[in-house]
Amino acid sequence: GEVVSILGLGGEALLRTYGRGEEAISLIHRAIDLGITYFESARAYAGSESYYGMALGERRKEIFLASKSHERTLDGALSHLEATLKNMNTDFLDLWMVHDVRSSKDIDLIFGLQGAIRAFESAKRNKLIKWIGISGHRNPTILSRAIDLYPFDTVLLPINPAEPHYWSFIDEVLPKAQEKGMGILGMKILSRGVSVKIFGVESTEGFLRFALTQPISSVVVGCETIEQLEMNAKIARSFRPMIKKEQDILLEKTRPYARELMYYKL
């Protein structure tokens, strides 16, 4: 039932720093002014949560705010949430995600008797969060298993034209998430700028259009500058889905560079 913009602002790039508060505040405010409503961070992202806390104030009510915890235990995750809410200067998160699930050991810990999922359930009961999500970018089989073990509201996964070439989240996780009626969020859209280094800045539109053409709710992109943010917003505003032929051409173009583009699986 939630409605968010098809383009979201990620907590990395400029926001995954320390000591750049003035620039970060300007970026966040500009994103809101451009009509972006999905905003994301993580406990692991340097000063990112604190930048949101400095920037939002009264504008908190204008957005859908998400963060993540990479803690695997009940107590650890609750401690993370306490820090997140304090840093973001908010009473609640719209979405809190189990961050970066990679291995069977992660799953055993998260879903164990004193696992992090208990913290997420407690936080939801106490109205500290509205929705519970999960993210993963290393192993699609592990992420697929995790969403079978618990009725997560959302999943955050890589969506880019390199994905279909190897161990694909698009093939293995996306259809299952659709069947379960989950909110689906895309990340690694530009492979943390690797796509731009290989193909040039003009490739941004193709990579964004490819991601937005998939059956997802929103894509999350970190930005280093306001100019990058404005370019992404312009592409999102004028978005038209890619036909299959366009997608196939892009898939072939990225094939020789798939390993570099999917650095996050190494």
C-alpha atoms as a PDB file:
ATOM      1  CA  GLY A   1       0.000   0.000   0.000  1.00  0.00           C
ATOM      2  CA  GLU A   2       2.952   2.337   0.217  1.00  0.00           C
ATOM      3  CA  VAL A   3       3.728   4.578  -2.747  1.00  0.00           C
ATOM      4  CA  VAL A   4       7.289   5.741  -3.379  1.00  0.00           C
ATOM      5  CA  SER A   5       9.092   7.454  -6.239  1.00  0.00           C
ATOM      6  CA  ILE A   6      10.607   5.124  -8.837  1.00  0.00           C
ATOM      7  CA  LEU A   7      13.995   6.726  -8.102  1.00  0.00           C
ATOM      8  CA  GLY A   8      15.352   6.662  -4.567  1.00  0.00           C
ATOM      9  CA  LEU A   9      18.408   8.289  -3.011  1.00  0.00           C
ATOM     10  CA  GLY A  10      20.895   5.767  -1.670  1.00  0.00           C
ATOM     11  CA  GLY A  11      23.044   6.262   1.409  1.00  0.00           C
ATOM     12  CA  GLU A  12      26.365   5.752  -0.359  1.00  0.00           C
ATOM     13  CA  ALA A  13      28.596   7.996  -2.540  1.00  0.00           C
ATOM     14  CA  LEU A  14      28.590  11.505  -1.000  1.00  0.00           C
ATOM     15  CA  LEU A  15      26.454  10.329   1.905  1.00  0.00           C
ATOM     16  CA  ARG A  16      28.869   7.520   2.839  1.00  0.00           C
ATOM     17  CA  THR A  17      31.460   9.935   4.180  1.00  0.00           C
ATOM     18  CA  TYR A  18      32.290  11.958   7.262  1.00  0.00           C
ATOM     19  CA  GLY A  19      32.738  15.717   7.523  1.00  0.00           C
ATOM     20  CA  ARG A  20      30.777  16.739   4.439  1.00  0.00           C
ATOM     21  CA  GLY A  21      27.584  17.753   6.183  1.00  0.00           C
ATOM     22  CA  GLU A  22      26.876  20.916   4.219  1.00  0.00           C
ATOM     23  CA  GLU A  23      27.123  19.126   0.856  1.00  0.00           C
ATOM     24  CA  ALA A  24      25.103  16.165   2.132  1.00  0.00           C
ATOM     25  CA  ILE A  25      22.300  18.347   3.483  1.00  0.00           C
ATOM     26  CA  SER A  26      22.091  20.182   0.142  1.00  0.00           C
ATOM     27  CA  LEU A  27      21.917  16.864  -1.726  1.00  0.00           C
ATOM     28  CA  ILE A  28      19.125  15.505   0.465  1.00  0.00           C
ATOM     29  CA  HIS A  29      17.094  18.709   0.242  1.00  0.00           C
ATOM     30  CA  ARG A  30      17.511  18.836  -3.524  1.00  0.00           C
ATOM     31  CA  ALA A  31      16.358  15.234  -3.820  1.00  0.00           C
ATOM     32  CA  ILE A  32      13.163  16.036  -1.913  1.00  0.00           C
ATOM     33  CA  ASP A  33      12.614  19.129  -4.068  1.00  0.00           C
ATOM     34  CA  LEU A  34      12.953  16.958  -7.186  1.00  0.00           C
ATOM     35  CA  GLY A  35      10.090  14.738  -6.003  1.00  0.00           C
ATOM     36  CA  ILE A  36      12.121  11.808  -4.699  1.00  0.00           C
ATOM     37  CA  THR A  37      10.354  10.215  -1.740  1.00  0.00           C
ATOM     38  CA  TYR A  38      12.365   7.018  -1.080  1.00  0.00           C
ATOM     39  CA  PHE A  39      15.506   7.663   1.000  1.00  0.00           C
ATOM     40  CA  GLU A  40      17.854   5.023   2.298  1.00  0.00           C
ATOM     41  CA  SER A  41      20.881   4.543   4.515  1.00  0.00           C
ATOM     42  CA  ALA A  42      22.518   1.881   6.695  1.00  0.00           C
ATOM     43  CA  ARG A  43      24.268   1.586  10.020  1.00  0.00           C
ATOM     44  CA  ALA A  44      27.385   0.587   8.061  1.00  0.00           C
ATOM     45  CA  TYR A  45      27.480   3.722   5.884  1.00  0.00           C
ATOM     46  CA  ALA A  46      29.883   6.032   7.732  1.00  0.00           C
ATOM     47  CA  GLY A  47      28.111   9.332   8.552  1.00  0.00           C
ATOM     48  CA  SER A  48      25.161   8.722   6.249  1.00  0.00           C
ATOM     49  CA  GLU A  49      22.466   8.349   8.918  1.00  0.00           C
ATOM     50  CA  SER A  50      23.688  11.459  10.725  1.00  0.00           C
ATOM     51  CA  TYR A  51      23.503  13.497   7.525  1.00  0.00           C
ATOM     52  CA  TYR A  52      19.830  12.570   7.245  1.00  0.00           C
ATOM     53  CA  GLY A  53      19.339  13.572  10.866  1.00  0.00           C
ATOM     54  CA  MET A  54      20.844  16.974  10.165  1.00  0.00           C
ATOM     55  CA  ALA A  55      18.914  17.482   6.943  1.00  0.00           C
ATOM     56  CA  LEU A  56      15.378  16.287   7.505  1.00  0.00           C
ATOM     57  CA  GLY A  57      13.762  18.165  10.380  1.00  0.00           C
ATOM     58  CA  GLU A  58      10.211  19.040   9.362  1.00  0.00           C
ATOM     59  CA  ARG A  59      10.776  17.414   5.972  1.00  0.00           C
ATOM     60  CA  ARG A  60      10.832  13.957   7.593  1.00  0.00           C
ATOM     61  CA  LYS A  61       7.089  13.696   7.021  1.00  0.00           C
ATOM     62  CA  GLU A  62       7.529  14.240   3.271  1.00  0.00           C
ATOM     63  CA  ILE A  63       9.517  11.050   2.711  1.00  0.00           C
ATOM     64  CA  PHE A  64       9.708   7.277   3.122  1.00  0.00           C
ATOM     65  CA  LEU A  65      12.826   6.662   5.222  1.00  0.00           C
ATOM     66  CA  ALA A  66      14.759   3.383   5.327  1.00  0.00           C
ATOM     67  CA  SER A  67      17.895   2.074   6.960  1.00  0.00           C
ATOM     68  CA  LYS A  68      19.589  -1.275   7.532  1.00  0.00           C
ATOM     69  CA  SER A  69      21.394  -3.286  10.198  1.00  0.00           C
ATOM     70  CA  HIS A  70      24.172  -5.772   9.499  1.00  0.00           C
ATOM     71  CA  GLU A  71      23.969  -7.127  13.070  1.00  0.00           C
ATOM     72  CA  ARG A  72      22.929 -10.760  13.263  1.00  0.00           C
ATOM     73  CA  THR A  73      21.859 -10.967  16.926  1.00  0.00           C
ATOM     74  CA  LEU A  74      18.814  -9.711  18.804  1.00  0.00           C
ATOM     75  CA  ASP A  75      20.760  -7.430  21.147  1.00  0.00           C
ATOM     76  CA  GLY A  76      23.105  -6.202  18.447  1.00  0.00           C
ATOM     77  CA  ALA A  77      20.293  -5.275  16.072  1.00  0.00           C
ATOM     78  CA  LEU A  78      18.332  -3.465  18.807  1.00  0.00           C
ATOM     79  CA  SER A  79      21.458  -1.490  19.639  1.00  0.00           C
ATOM     80  CA  HIS A  80      21.807  -0.597  15.969  1.00  0.00           C
ATOM     81  CA  LEU A  81      18.202   0.565  15.765  1.00  0.00           C
ATOM     82  CA  GLU A  82      18.639   2.783  18.806  1.00  0.00           C
ATOM     83  CA  ALA A  83      21.665   4.411  17.179  1.00  0.00           C
ATOM     84  CA  THR A  84      19.915   4.714  13.815  1.00  0.00           C
ATOM     85  CA  LEU A  85      16.854   6.477  15.227  1.00  0.00           C
ATOM     86  CA  LYS A  86      19.044   8.843  17.233  1.00  0.00           C
ATOM     87  CA  ASN A  87      21.315   9.628  14.289  1.00  0.00           C
ATOM     88  CA  MET A  88      18.423  10.128  11.894  1.00  0.00           C
ATOM     89  CA  ASN A  89      16.574  12.250  14.438  1.00  0.00           C
ATOM     90  CA  THR A  90      13.321  10.362  13.958  1.00  0.00           C
ATOM     91  CA  ASP A  91      10.892   8.385  16.125  1.00  0.00           C
ATOM     92  CA  PHE A  92      10.443   5.621  13.559  1.00  0.00           C
ATOM     93  CA  LEU A  93      11.651   4.150  10.278  1.00  0.00           C
ATOM     94  CA  ASP A  94       9.274   3.410   7.449  1.00  0.00           C
ATOM     95  CA  LEU A  95      11.472   0.443   6.525  1.00  0.00           C
ATOM     96  CA  TRP A  96      14.236  -1.361   8.429  1.00  0.00           C
ATOM     97  CA  MET A  97      16.211  -4.006   6.574  1.00  0.00           C
ATOM     98  CA  VAL A  98      18.382  -6.967   7.467  1.00  0.00           C
ATOM     99  CA  HIS A  99      21.538  -5.867   5.653  1.00  0.00           C
ATOM    100  CA  ASP A 100      23.681  -7.839   3.198  1.00  0.00           C
ATOM    101  CA  VAL A 101      22.736 -11.471   3.848  1.00  0.00           C
ATOM    102  CA  ARG A 102      25.546 -13.549   2.343  1.00  0.00           C
ATOM    103  CA  SER A 103      25.917 -17.013   3.830  1.00  0.00           C
ATOM    104  CA  SER A 104      24.264 -19.977   5.520  1.00  0.00           C
ATOM    105  CA  LYS A 105      25.913 -18.839   8.743  1.00  0.00           C
ATOM    106  CA  ASP A 106      24.158 -15.469   8.400  1.00  0.00           C
ATOM    107  CA  ILE A 107      20.824 -17.231   8.013  1.00  0.00           C
ATOM    108  CA  ASP A 108      21.436 -19.495  11.011  1.00  0.00           C
ATOM    109  CA  LEU A 109      22.276 -16.491  13.195  1.00  0.00           C
ATOM    110  CA  ILE A 110      19.512 -14.185  11.957  1.00  0.00           C
ATOM    111  CA  PHE A 111      16.761 -16.774  12.406  1.00  0.00           C
ATOM    112  CA  GLY A 112      18.159 -18.367  15.571  1.00  0.00           C
ATOM    113  CA  LEU A 113      16.558 -18.070  19.031  1.00  0.00           C
ATOM    114  CA  GLN A 114      18.494 -14.886  19.787  1.00  0.00           C
ATOM    115  CA  GLY A 115      18.714 -13.817  16.166  1.00  0.00           C
ATOM    116  CA  ALA A 116      18.278 -10.374  14.650  1.00  0.00           C
ATOM    117  CA  ILE A 117      14.828 -11.172  13.251  1.00  0.00           C
ATOM    118  CA  ARG A 118      13.509 -11.055  16.836  1.00  0.00           C
ATOM    119  CA  ALA A 119      14.705  -7.449  17.068  1.00  0.00           C
ATOM    120  CA  PHE A 120      12.906  -6.588  13.850  1.00  0.00           C
ATOM    121  CA  GLU A 121       9.672  -8.153  15.111  1.00  0.00           C
ATOM    122  CA  SER A 122       9.973  -6.341  18.448  1.00  0.00           C
ATOM    123  CA  ALA A 123      10.625  -3.026  16.709  1.00  0.00           C
ATOM    124  CA  LYS A 124       7.543  -3.475  14.552  1.00  0.00           C
ATOM    125  CA  ARG A 125       5.355  -4.371  17.553  1.00  0.00           C
ATOM    126  CA  ASN A 126       6.583  -1.249  19.315  1.00  0.00           C
ATOM    127  CA  LYS A 127       5.935   0.911  16.239  1.00  0.00           C
ATOM    128  CA  LEU A 128       9.579   1.879  15.879  1.00  0.00           C
ATOM    129  CA  ILE A 129       9.400   0.613  12.298  1.00  0.00           C
ATOM    130  CA  LYS A 130       6.552   0.084   9.841  1.00  0.00           C
ATOM    131  CA  TRP A 131       7.965  -2.549   7.502  1.00  0.00           C
ATOM    132  CA  ILE A 132      10.640  -5.267   7.626  1.00  0.00           C
ATOM    133  CA  GLY A 133      12.945  -5.862   4.670  1.00  0.00           C
ATOM    134  CA  ILE A 134      16.047  -7.757   3.657  1.00  0.00           C
ATOM    135  CA  SER A 135      18.937  -7.095   1.301  1.00  0.00           C
ATOM    136  CA  GLY A 136      21.615  -9.179  -0.372  1.00  0.00           C
ATOM    137  CA  HIS A 137      24.072  -8.819  -3.223  1.00  0.00           C
ATOM    138  CA  ARG A 138      26.589 -11.652  -2.825  1.00  0.00           C
ATOM    139  CA  ASN A 139      24.631 -14.884  -3.264  1.00  0.00           C
ATOM    140  CA  PRO A 140      21.152 -15.110  -4.870  1.00  0.00           C
ATOM    141  CA  THR A 141      20.573 -18.628  -3.532  1.00  0.00           C
ATOM    142  CA  ILE A 142      21.045 -17.420   0.050  1.00  0.00           C
ATOM    143  CA  LEU A 143      18.738 -14.425  -0.454  1.00  0.00           C
ATOM    144  CA  SER A 144      16.126 -16.681  -2.068  1.00  0.00           C
ATOM    145  CA  ARG A 145      16.305 -19.031   0.917  1.00  0.00           C
ATOM    146  CA  ALA A 146      15.947 -16.152   3.368  1.00  0.00           C
ATOM    147  CA  ILE A 147      12.737 -14.841   1.800  1.00  0.00           C
ATOM    148  CA  ASP A 148      11.313 -18.360   2.026  1.00  0.00           C
ATOM    149  CA  LEU A 149      12.069 -18.463   5.755  1.00  0.00           C
ATOM    150  CA  TYR A 150      10.299 -15.234   6.723  1.00  0.00           C
ATOM    151  CA  PRO A 151       7.498 -13.048   5.281  1.00  0.00           C
ATOM    152  CA  PHE A 152       9.625  -9.966   4.630  1.00  0.00           C
ATOM    153  CA  ASP A 153       7.752  -6.964   3.294  1.00  0.00           C
ATOM    154  CA  THR A 154      10.520  -5.867   0.918  1.00  0.00           C
ATOM    155  CA  VAL A 155      13.678  -7.142  -0.730  1.00  0.00           C
ATOM    156  CA  LEU A 156      16.605  -5.047  -1.989  1.00  0.00           C
ATOM    157  CA  LEU A 157      18.677  -6.750  -4.692  1.00  0.00           C
ATOM    158  CA  PRO A 158      21.018  -5.940  -7.607  1.00  0.00           C
ATOM    159  CA  ILE A 159      19.352  -4.961 -10.870  1.00  0.00           C
ATOM    160  CA  ASN A 160      21.648  -4.225 -13.812  1.00  0.00           C
ATOM    161  CA  PRO A 161      22.342  -5.654 -17.288  1.00  0.00           C
ATOM    162  CA  ALA A 162      25.378  -7.639 -16.101  1.00  0.00           C
ATOM    163  CA  GLU A 163      23.245  -9.696 -13.695  1.00  0.00           C
ATOM    164  CA  PRO A 164      21.756 -12.165 -16.207  1.00  0.00           C
ATOM    165  CA  HIS A 165      25.270 -13.289 -17.194  1.00  0.00           C
ATOM    166  CA  TYR A 166      26.210 -14.975 -13.918  1.00  0.00           C
ATOM    167  CA  TRP A 167      24.478 -16.200 -10.746  1.00  0.00           C
ATOM    168  CA  SER A 168      21.584 -13.871 -11.407  1.00  0.00           C
ATOM    169  CA  PHE A 169      19.457 -12.193  -8.744  1.00  0.00           C
ATOM    170  CA  ILE A 170      17.109 -11.150 -11.561  1.00  0.00           C
ATOM    171  CA  ASP A 171      16.513 -14.780 -12.530  1.00  0.00           C
ATOM    172  CA  GLU A 172      16.612 -16.461  -9.122  1.00  0.00           C
ATOM    173  CA  VAL A 173      15.153 -13.981  -6.626  1.00  0.00           C
ATOM    174  CA  LEU A 174      13.028 -11.481  -8.541  1.00  0.00           C
ATOM    175  CA  PRO A 175      10.304 -13.922  -9.743  1.00  0.00           C
ATOM    176  CA  LYS A 176       9.945 -15.385  -6.250  1.00  0.00           C
ATOM    177  CA  ALA A 177       9.648 -11.915  -4.708  1.00  0.00           C
ATOM    178  CA  GLN A 178       6.938 -11.092  -7.250  1.00  0.00           C
ATOM    179  CA  GLU A 179       5.012 -14.243  -6.365  1.00  0.00           C
ATOM    180  CA  LYS A 180       5.158 -13.297  -2.702  1.00  0.00           C
ATOM    181  CA  GLY A 181       3.854  -9.795  -3.388  1.00  0.00           C
ATOM    182  CA  MET A 182       6.917  -8.134  -1.895  1.00  0.00           C
ATOM    183  CA  GLY A 183       8.007  -4.567  -2.441  1.00  0.00           C
ATOM    184  CA  ILE A 184      11.042  -4.943  -4.717  1.00  0.00           C
ATOM    185  CA  LEU A 185      13.867  -2.415  -4.589  1.00  0.00           C
ATOM    186  CA  GLY A 186      16.772  -2.368  -7.019  1.00  0.00           C
ATOM    187  CA  MET A 187      20.382  -1.495  -6.183  1.00  0.00           C
ATOM    188  CA  LYS A 188      23.805  -1.660  -7.912  1.00  0.00           C
ATOM    189  CA  ILE A 189      22.044  -0.023 -10.863  1.00  0.00           C
ATOM    190  CA  LEU A 190      25.254   1.645 -12.062  1.00  0.00           C
ATOM    191  CA  SER A 191      27.539  -0.820 -10.250  1.00  0.00           C
ATOM    192  CA  ARG A 192      28.865   1.942  -7.980  1.00  0.00           C
ATOM    193  CA  GLY A 193      29.978   3.970 -11.011  1.00  0.00           C
ATOM    194  CA  VAL A 194      31.811   1.106 -12.743  1.00  0.00           C
ATOM    195  CA  SER A 195      29.312   1.356 -15.615  1.00  0.00           C
ATOM    196  CA  VAL A 196      30.221   5.007 -16.157  1.00  0.00           C
ATOM    197  CA  LYS A 197      33.959   4.269 -16.067  1.00  0.00           C
ATOM    198  CA  ILE A 198      33.547   1.592 -18.738  1.00  0.00           C
ATOM    199  CA  PHE A 199      30.855   3.043 -20.989  1.00  0.00           C
ATOM    200  CA  GLY A 200      30.846   6.770 -20.200  1.00  0.00           C
ATOM    201  CA  VAL A 201      28.328   8.990 -18.465  1.00  0.00           C
ATOM    202  CA  GLU A 202      25.961   8.727 -21.436  1.00  0.00           C
ATOM    203  CA  SER A 203      25.391   5.070 -20.502  1.00  0.00           C
ATOM    204  CA  THR A 204      23.579   6.095 -17.319  1.00  0.00           C
ATOM    205  CA  GLU A 205      20.232   6.425 -19.080  1.00  0.00           C
ATOM    206  CA  GLY A 206      20.430   2.914 -20.538  1.00  0.00           C
ATOM    207  CA  PHE A 207      21.371   1.305 -17.229  1.00  0.00           C
ATOM    208  CA  LEU A 208      18.641   3.186 -15.361  1.00  0.00           C
ATOM    209  CA  ARG A 209      16.033   2.398 -17.999  1.00  0.00           C
ATOM    210  CA  PHE A 210      17.010  -1.279 -17.929  1.00  0.00           C
ATOM    211  CA  ALA A 211      16.544  -1.411 -14.164  1.00  0.00           C
ATOM    212  CA  LEU A 212      13.265   0.477 -14.179  1.00  0.00           C
ATOM    213  CA  THR A 213      11.904  -1.796 -16.913  1.00  0.00           C
ATOM    214  CA  GLN A 214      12.116  -4.768 -14.560  1.00  0.00           C
ATOM    215  CA  PRO A 215       9.108  -5.506 -12.283  1.00  0.00           C
ATOM    216  CA  ILE A 216      10.322  -3.456  -9.321  1.00  0.00           C
ATOM    217  CA  SER A 217       8.995  -0.616  -7.168  1.00  0.00           C
ATOM    218  CA  SER A 218      11.997   1.698  -7.041  1.00  0.00           C
ATOM    219  CA  VAL A 219      15.712   1.890  -7.807  1.00  0.00           C
ATOM    220  CA  VAL A 220      18.201   3.241  -5.295  1.00  0.00           C
ATOM    221  CA  VAL A 221      21.150   5.247  -6.610  1.00  0.00           C
ATOM    222  CA  GLY A 222      23.867   6.943  -4.592  1.00  0.00           C
ATOM    223  CA  CYS A 223      25.038  10.311  -5.897  1.00  0.00           C
ATOM    224  CA  GLU A 224      28.313  12.155  -5.490  1.00  0.00           C
ATOM    225  CA  THR A 225      27.000  15.522  -6.701  1.00  0.00           C
ATOM    226  CA  ILE A 226      23.747  17.410  -7.157  1.00  0.00           C
ATOM    227  CA  GLU A 227      24.424  17.329 -10.913  1.00  0.00           C
ATOM    228  CA  GLN A 228      24.372  13.518 -10.863  1.00  0.00           C
ATOM    229  CA  LEU A 229      21.182  13.562  -8.821  1.00  0.00           C
ATOM    230  CA  GLU A 230      19.477  15.944 -11.240  1.00  0.00           C
ATOM    231  CA  MET A 231      20.538  13.852 -14.242  1.00  0.00           C
ATOM    232  CA  ASN A 232      19.131  10.682 -12.659  1.00  0.00           C
ATOM    233  CA  ALA A 233      15.897  12.463 -11.766  1.00  0.00           C
ATOM    234  CA  LYS A 234      15.534  13.737 -15.323  1.00  0.00           C
ATOM    235  CA  ILE A 235      15.954  10.192 -16.686  1.00  0.00           C
ATOM    236  CA  ALA A 236      13.421   8.828 -14.185  1.00  0.00           C
ATOM    237  CA  ARG A 237      10.872  11.526 -15.040  1.00  0.00           C
ATOM    238  CA  SER A 238      11.078  10.750 -18.760  1.00  0.00           C
ATOM    239  CA  PHE A 239      11.307   6.972 -18.247  1.00  0.00           C
ATOM    240  CA  ARG A 240       9.850   4.706 -20.893  1.00  0.00           C
ATOM    241  CA  PRO A 241      10.295   0.931 -20.626  1.00  0.00           C
ATOM    242  CA  MET A 242      12.915  -0.776 -22.776  1.00  0.00           C
ATOM    243  CA  ILE A 243      11.604  -3.156 -25.402  1.00  0.00           C
ATOM    244  CA  LYS A 244      13.158  -6.637 -25.425  1.00  0.00           C
ATOM    245  CA  LYS A 245      15.450  -5.832 -28.367  1.00  0.00           C
ATOM    246  CA  GLU A 246      16.921  -2.841 -26.523  1.00  0.00           C
ATOM    247  CA  GLN A 247      17.492  -4.975 -23.444  1.00  0.00           C
ATOM    248  CA  ASP A 248      19.155  -7.712 -25.494  1.00  0.00           C
ATOM    249  CA  ILE A 249      21.528  -5.219 -27.101  1.00  0.00           C
ATOM    250  CA  LEU A 250      22.526  -3.864 -23.684  1.00  0.00           C
ATOM    251  CA  LEU A 251      23.003  -7.373 -22.303  1.00  0.00           C
ATOM    252  CA  GLU A 252      25.419  -8.202 -25.122  1.00  0.00           C
ATOM    253  CA  LYS A 253      27.240  -4.909 -24.672  1.00  0.00           C
ATOM    254  CA  THR A 254      27.858  -5.643 -20.995  1.00  0.00           C
ATOM    255  CA  ARG A 255      28.783  -9.328 -21.395  1.00  0.00           C
ATOM    256  CA  PRO A 256      32.573  -8.787 -21.711  1.00  0.00           C
ATOM    257  CA  TYR A 257      32.545  -6.582 -18.597  1.00  0.00           C
ATOM    258  CA  ALA A 258      30.192  -8.637 -16.425  1.00  0.00           C
ATOM    259  CA  ARG A 259      32.848  -9.542 -13.857  1.00  0.00           C
ATOM    260  CA  GLU A 260      33.850  -5.905 -13.344  1.00  0.00           C
ATOM    261  CA  LEU A 261      30.245  -4.730 -13.170  1.00  0.00           C
ATOM    262  CA  MET A 262      29.379  -7.425 -10.616  1.00  0.00           C
ATOM    263  CA  TYR A 263      32.323  -6.644  -8.309  1.00  0.00           C
ATOM    264  CA  TYR A 264      29.919  -7.112  -5.383  1.00  0.00           C
ATOM    265  CA  LYS A 265      29.791 -10.888  -5.904  1.00  0.00           C
ATOM    266  CA  LEU A 266      33.570 -11.388  -5.612  1.00  0.00           C
END
